Amino acid sequence: MGRPYTGWDGNATGRRDGLEKLVDLLEEHFGVFNNGTFGVRNKRQKSSASVHGTGRAADLSWRGGSYPGTGRYEDAHRMMDFLTRPDVAEAFELEAVFDYWNHYGPHGRGWKCDRNAWKIYGSKQFAGVPGDWVHIEISNRYADDPLYINHWFLHLIGDEKVTAPAQPSAPEPAAEAKPEPYPGTPVRRGARGRIVKLVQEKVGAYVDGDFGPKTEQSVKDWQSHNRDPKRDRPLYVDGIVGPVTWRSMFHR
């Protein structure tokens, strides 16, 4: 069998950086959006406490239209397939995935770590079904460790392609340069080459293509004075140019 399931184990004091980093990465790679993370409340239509209060749970929606999701359940399905892959579930200590949509039946389905398998529900298990979102939970071990989450996510994602929200196609202005594409892995201390030079130019470091401690400090200074334009919130100050910092630098 799998690992023990934790469930609600006490309310946190606020958002937890590891879980929030995982949500950011899932948004970026699967065309879903954050439909809610931390919140101290009871479960919908129940008197028991919600795992959202622990800071270890998130709802991710593929809702389109005026919302930033792709509008395609299959993109959320790809995300669920990725998260419940044995190596991924173990790496992040995934505890639960609840699929609120009615693709498999009128009451949805759920994956839990204690059975390490999906179960299609034959009766109502939670309010909101059918709903166009996926609920996920991770353990306490990495809920406060965004560096670990970022490193292993980018290692495990492999060849998965980023799915951008569906939008009407429009020709790009001929004179407008295309944004510099994310290199696919975080740019951090020890990196060298053209990509490092681009970062150094952006943060005002000495441009030599060698990501050393001075460049790392310049990146931290830049992160502390800039925000993620997509979600309008502060950047995580770690001196590493991951996908969110890269977007803030080059995709404004």
Protein backbone atom coordinates (compact mmCIF):
# COMPACT_ATOMS: atom_id res chain seq x y z
CA MET A 1 0.00 0.00 0.00
CA GLY A 2 0.94 3.66 -0.08
CA ARG A 3 1.80 6.30 2.52
CA PRO A 4 -0.56 7.30 5.35
CA TYR A 5 -2.99 10.09 4.47
CA THR A 6 -2.79 13.17 6.72
CA GLY A 7 -5.91 15.20 5.99
CA TRP A 8 -6.55 18.23 8.22
CA ASP A 9 -3.88 18.46 10.94
CA GLY A 10 -4.26 22.03 12.17
CA ASN A 11 -4.52 25.43 10.50
CA ALA A 12 -1.47 27.25 9.20
CA THR A 13 -0.88 30.97 9.71
CA GLY A 14 -0.88 31.73 5.98
CA ARG A 15 0.17 30.55 2.56
CA ARG A 16 3.04 28.05 2.43
CA ASP A 17 5.74 28.70 -0.14
CA GLY A 18 6.29 25.11 -1.29
CA LEU A 19 2.64 24.51 -2.12
CA GLU A 20 2.37 27.94 -3.77
CA LYS A 21 5.44 27.17 -5.94
CA LEU A 22 3.90 23.87 -7.04
CA VAL A 23 0.70 25.71 -8.00
CA ASP A 24 2.69 28.29 -10.00
CA LEU A 25 4.45 25.54 -11.94
CA LEU A 26 1.26 23.59 -12.61
CA GLU A 27 -0.40 26.77 -13.90
CA GLU A 28 2.52 27.42 -16.21
CA HIS A 29 2.76 23.91 -17.65
CA PHE A 30 -0.85 22.75 -17.90
CA GLY A 31 -3.02 25.76 -18.72
CA VAL A 32 -4.91 25.70 -15.41
CA PHE A 33 -5.22 28.54 -12.91
CA ASN A 34 -5.20 28.91 -9.14
CA ASN A 35 -8.81 28.63 -7.99
CA GLY A 36 -7.85 28.82 -4.30
CA THR A 37 -5.11 27.70 -1.90
CA PHE A 38 -4.92 28.79 1.74
CA GLY A 39 -8.17 29.54 3.51
CA VAL A 40 -9.37 28.69 7.04
CA ARG A 41 -12.89 27.35 6.65
CA ASN A 42 -14.99 24.22 6.88
CA LYS A 43 -15.48 21.84 4.00
CA ARG A 44 -18.36 22.90 1.80
CA GLN A 45 -21.70 21.85 3.31
CA LYS A 46 -19.90 20.08 6.21
CA SER A 47 -18.89 20.92 9.78
CA SER A 48 -15.37 19.43 9.51
CA ALA A 49 -12.33 21.63 8.78
CA SER A 50 -11.02 21.95 5.23
CA VAL A 51 -7.46 20.90 4.39
CA HIS A 52 -7.15 24.33 2.71
CA GLY A 53 -6.61 25.70 6.20
CA THR A 54 -3.37 23.72 6.55
CA GLY A 55 -1.79 25.53 3.57
CA ARG A 56 -1.16 22.17 1.87
CA ALA A 57 -4.15 22.13 -0.50
CA ALA A 58 -5.04 23.86 -3.75
CA ASP A 59 -7.86 23.94 -6.27
CA LEU A 60 -6.78 24.28 -9.90
CA SER A 61 -9.33 25.00 -12.63
CA TRP A 62 -9.23 24.73 -16.40
CA ARG A 63 -12.22 27.12 -16.70
CA GLY A 64 -11.97 29.22 -19.85
CA GLY A 65 -13.94 32.10 -21.30
CA SER A 66 -13.32 35.14 -19.10
CA TYR A 67 -11.12 32.99 -16.85
CA PRO A 68 -7.44 32.21 -17.60
CA GLY A 69 -7.79 28.44 -18.05
CA THR A 70 -7.74 26.70 -21.42
CA GLY A 71 -11.36 25.55 -21.12
CA ARG A 72 -10.23 21.98 -21.84
CA TYR A 73 -10.66 19.16 -19.33
CA GLU A 74 -8.00 17.16 -21.17
CA ASP A 75 -5.35 19.67 -20.02
CA ALA A 76 -6.37 19.13 -16.40
CA HIS A 77 -6.37 15.38 -17.09
CA ARG A 78 -2.75 15.61 -18.29
CA MET A 79 -1.89 17.42 -15.07
CA MET A 80 -3.53 14.70 -12.98
CA ASP A 81 -1.73 11.98 -14.93
CA PHE A 82 1.56 13.77 -14.26
CA LEU A 83 0.95 14.31 -10.53
CA THR A 84 -0.12 10.71 -9.88
CA ARG A 85 2.82 9.20 -11.76
CA PRO A 86 4.57 7.11 -9.09
CA ASP A 87 7.87 9.03 -9.24
CA VAL A 88 6.14 12.43 -9.16
CA ALA A 89 3.69 11.50 -6.37
CA GLU A 90 6.58 10.22 -4.26
CA ALA A 91 8.86 13.20 -4.99
CA PHE A 92 6.26 15.75 -3.81
CA GLU A 93 4.62 13.44 -1.24
CA LEU A 94 1.30 13.96 -2.99
CA GLU A 95 -1.52 13.00 -0.62
CA ALA A 96 -4.72 13.47 -2.62
CA VAL A 97 -6.14 14.47 -5.98
CA PHE A 98 -9.89 14.93 -6.29
CA ASP A 99 -11.29 15.27 -9.80
CA TYR A 100 -14.58 17.14 -9.51
CA TRP A 101 -15.57 16.75 -13.15
CA ASN A 102 -18.10 14.09 -14.24
CA HIS A 103 -16.01 12.50 -17.01
CA TYR A 104 -15.75 9.19 -15.12
CA GLY A 105 -19.13 9.31 -13.44
CA PRO A 106 -21.59 11.74 -11.85
CA HIS A 107 -19.71 11.92 -8.54
CA GLY A 108 -16.17 12.39 -9.81
CA ARG A 109 -13.12 10.40 -8.72
CA GLY A 110 -10.26 10.59 -6.23
CA TRP A 111 -6.64 9.49 -5.87
CA LYS A 112 -5.17 9.10 -2.38
CA CYS A 113 -1.72 8.18 -1.17
CA ASP A 114 -2.92 5.49 1.26
CA ARG A 115 -4.29 3.40 -1.60
CA ASN A 116 -1.95 4.82 -4.27
CA ALA A 117 -4.72 4.50 -6.84
CA TRP A 118 -7.77 6.21 -8.31
CA LYS A 119 -11.30 5.42 -7.15
CA ILE A 120 -14.42 6.35 -9.12
CA TYR A 121 -17.03 7.40 -6.59
CA GLY A 122 -20.44 5.74 -6.69
CA SER A 123 -22.03 8.28 -4.35
CA LYS A 124 -21.59 11.93 -3.45
CA GLN A 125 -18.28 12.50 -1.64
CA PHE A 126 -17.96 16.28 -1.77
CA ALA A 127 -19.98 19.36 -2.67
CA GLY A 128 -19.52 21.05 -6.03
CA VAL A 129 -19.61 17.98 -8.29
CA PRO A 130 -19.57 18.36 -11.21
CA GLY A 131 -17.06 21.19 -10.94
CA ASP A 132 -14.41 22.38 -13.39
CA TRP A 133 -11.49 22.13 -10.99
CA VAL A 134 -9.08 19.65 -9.41
CA HIS A 135 -8.25 19.60 -5.70
CA ILE A 136 -4.72 18.55 -4.70
CA GLU A 137 -2.99 18.03 -1.35
CA ILE A 138 0.66 17.47 -0.44
CA SER A 139 2.27 16.47 2.86
CA ASN A 140 3.96 18.80 5.33
CA ARG A 141 7.44 17.67 4.31
CA TYR A 142 7.81 19.96 1.29
CA ALA A 143 4.95 22.42 1.84
CA ASP A 144 7.47 25.09 2.92
CA ASP A 145 10.29 24.21 0.51
CA PRO A 146 9.86 26.05 -2.83
CA LEU A 147 13.46 25.39 -3.92
CA TYR A 148 12.96 21.64 -3.62
CA ILE A 149 9.60 21.83 -5.42
CA ASN A 150 11.03 23.95 -8.24
CA HIS A 151 14.09 21.73 -8.74
CA TRP A 152 12.24 18.42 -8.81
CA PHE A 153 9.29 19.68 -10.84
CA LEU A 154 11.57 20.86 -13.63
CA HIS A 155 13.53 17.60 -13.41
CA LEU A 156 10.42 15.42 -13.56
CA ILE A 157 8.35 17.33 -16.10
CA GLY A 158 10.56 16.06 -18.94
CA ASP A 159 9.07 16.73 -22.34
CA GLU A 160 5.67 17.97 -21.17
CA LYS A 161 4.71 21.04 -23.21
CA VAL A 162 3.36 24.23 -21.75
CA THR A 163 -0.30 24.68 -22.67
CA ALA A 164 -1.20 28.34 -22.99
CA PRO A 165 -4.79 29.45 -22.37
CA ALA A 166 -6.82 29.40 -25.57
CA GLN A 167 -7.06 32.85 -27.12
CA PRO A 168 -8.07 34.16 -30.54
CA SER A 169 -5.08 34.13 -32.82
CA ALA A 170 -3.81 37.51 -33.97
CA PRO A 171 -0.78 38.41 -36.08
CA GLU A 172 2.15 39.83 -34.15
CA PRO A 173 3.28 43.31 -35.11
CA ALA A 174 6.16 42.97 -37.56
CA ALA A 175 8.40 45.38 -35.65
CA GLU A 176 7.83 43.76 -32.24
CA ALA A 177 10.55 41.33 -31.13
CA LYS A 178 9.42 37.99 -29.73
CA PRO A 179 10.00 37.47 -26.00
CA GLU A 180 13.12 35.55 -25.11
CA PRO A 181 11.97 31.92 -24.56
CA TYR A 182 12.56 30.30 -21.19
CA PRO A 183 15.59 27.97 -21.51
CA GLY A 184 13.73 25.05 -19.92
CA THR A 185 15.80 24.79 -16.73
CA PRO A 186 16.47 27.33 -13.96
CA VAL A 187 19.41 29.71 -14.52
CA ARG A 188 21.41 29.70 -11.31
CA ARG A 189 24.91 29.94 -9.81
CA GLY A 190 27.36 27.89 -11.89
CA ALA A 191 25.56 28.46 -15.22
CA ARG A 192 27.48 29.97 -18.14
CA GLY A 193 26.83 31.27 -21.61
CA ARG A 194 24.51 33.52 -23.61
CA ILE A 195 21.50 33.03 -21.33
CA VAL A 196 23.53 34.15 -18.31
CA LYS A 197 24.58 37.28 -20.22
CA LEU A 198 20.92 38.11 -20.88
CA VAL A 199 20.17 37.80 -17.16
CA GLN A 200 23.22 39.87 -16.19
CA GLU A 201 22.18 42.65 -18.56
CA LYS A 202 18.69 42.64 -17.09
CA VAL A 203 19.80 42.79 -13.43
CA GLY A 204 22.71 45.18 -13.93
CA ALA A 205 25.48 42.70 -13.13
CA TYR A 206 28.88 42.57 -14.84
CA VAL A 207 28.23 40.86 -18.19
CA ASP A 208 30.70 38.01 -18.57
CA GLY A 209 28.40 35.01 -19.03
CA ASP A 210 29.49 33.47 -15.71
CA PHE A 211 26.75 33.13 -13.03
CA GLY A 212 28.76 33.62 -9.86
CA PRO A 213 27.92 34.92 -6.37
CA LYS A 214 27.81 38.57 -7.47
CA THR A 215 25.33 37.77 -10.24
CA GLU A 216 23.30 35.73 -7.75
CA GLN A 217 23.11 38.71 -5.39
CA SER A 218 22.13 41.00 -8.29
CA VAL A 219 19.32 38.59 -9.18
CA LYS A 220 18.11 38.59 -5.56
CA ASP A 221 18.16 42.40 -5.53
CA TRP A 222 16.19 42.46 -8.78
CA GLN A 223 13.65 39.93 -7.48
CA SER A 224 13.12 41.94 -4.29
CA HIS A 225 12.15 45.04 -6.33
CA ASN A 226 9.96 43.39 -8.97
CA ARG A 227 6.70 41.45 -9.15
CA ASP A 228 5.22 38.63 -11.18
CA PRO A 229 3.21 40.61 -13.79
CA LYS A 230 0.91 37.68 -14.55
CA ARG A 231 -0.34 37.31 -10.97
CA ASP A 232 0.66 40.72 -9.54
CA ARG A 233 2.48 39.43 -6.49
CA PRO A 234 6.07 39.60 -5.19
CA LEU A 235 8.70 37.30 -6.64
CA TYR A 236 10.32 34.65 -4.44
CA VAL A 237 13.79 36.00 -3.61
CA ASP A 238 16.16 33.06 -4.09
CA GLY A 239 18.72 34.28 -6.65
CA ILE A 240 17.49 31.65 -9.13
CA VAL A 241 15.93 32.59 -12.46
CA GLY A 242 13.14 30.02 -12.68
CA PRO A 243 10.10 30.21 -14.97
CA VAL A 244 8.28 32.90 -12.96
CA THR A 245 11.30 35.20 -12.58
CA TRP A 246 12.16 34.63 -16.27
CA ARG A 247 8.64 35.67 -17.27
CA SER A 248 8.96 38.79 -15.14
CA MET A 249 12.29 39.69 -16.75
CA PHE A 250 11.55 39.02 -20.40
CA HIS A 251 7.78 38.66 -21.01
CA ARG A 252 6.35 41.93 -19.71
